[in-house]
């Protein structure tokens, strides 16, 4: 008759102190990580009114910083 795999030849279980402490430290680390990870707050986004679509397909405006960039590209 075979002995169960969880027992050694001396009749003690194969659960050693090393595996017990390794398992306990893993559970402790997971618990600490669960506490320290920030929780995601579900806030409803503020209703932002969409901008109207330009009639002539625009959307591009020649602003001061764009003009400055064009000046830097001149050879």
Foldseek 3Di string as FASTA:
>chain_A
DDDDPQADPVGDGPDDPVNVVVVVVVVVVVVVVVVPDDDDDDDDDDDDDDDDQDPVNDPDDCDPVNVVVVVVPDD
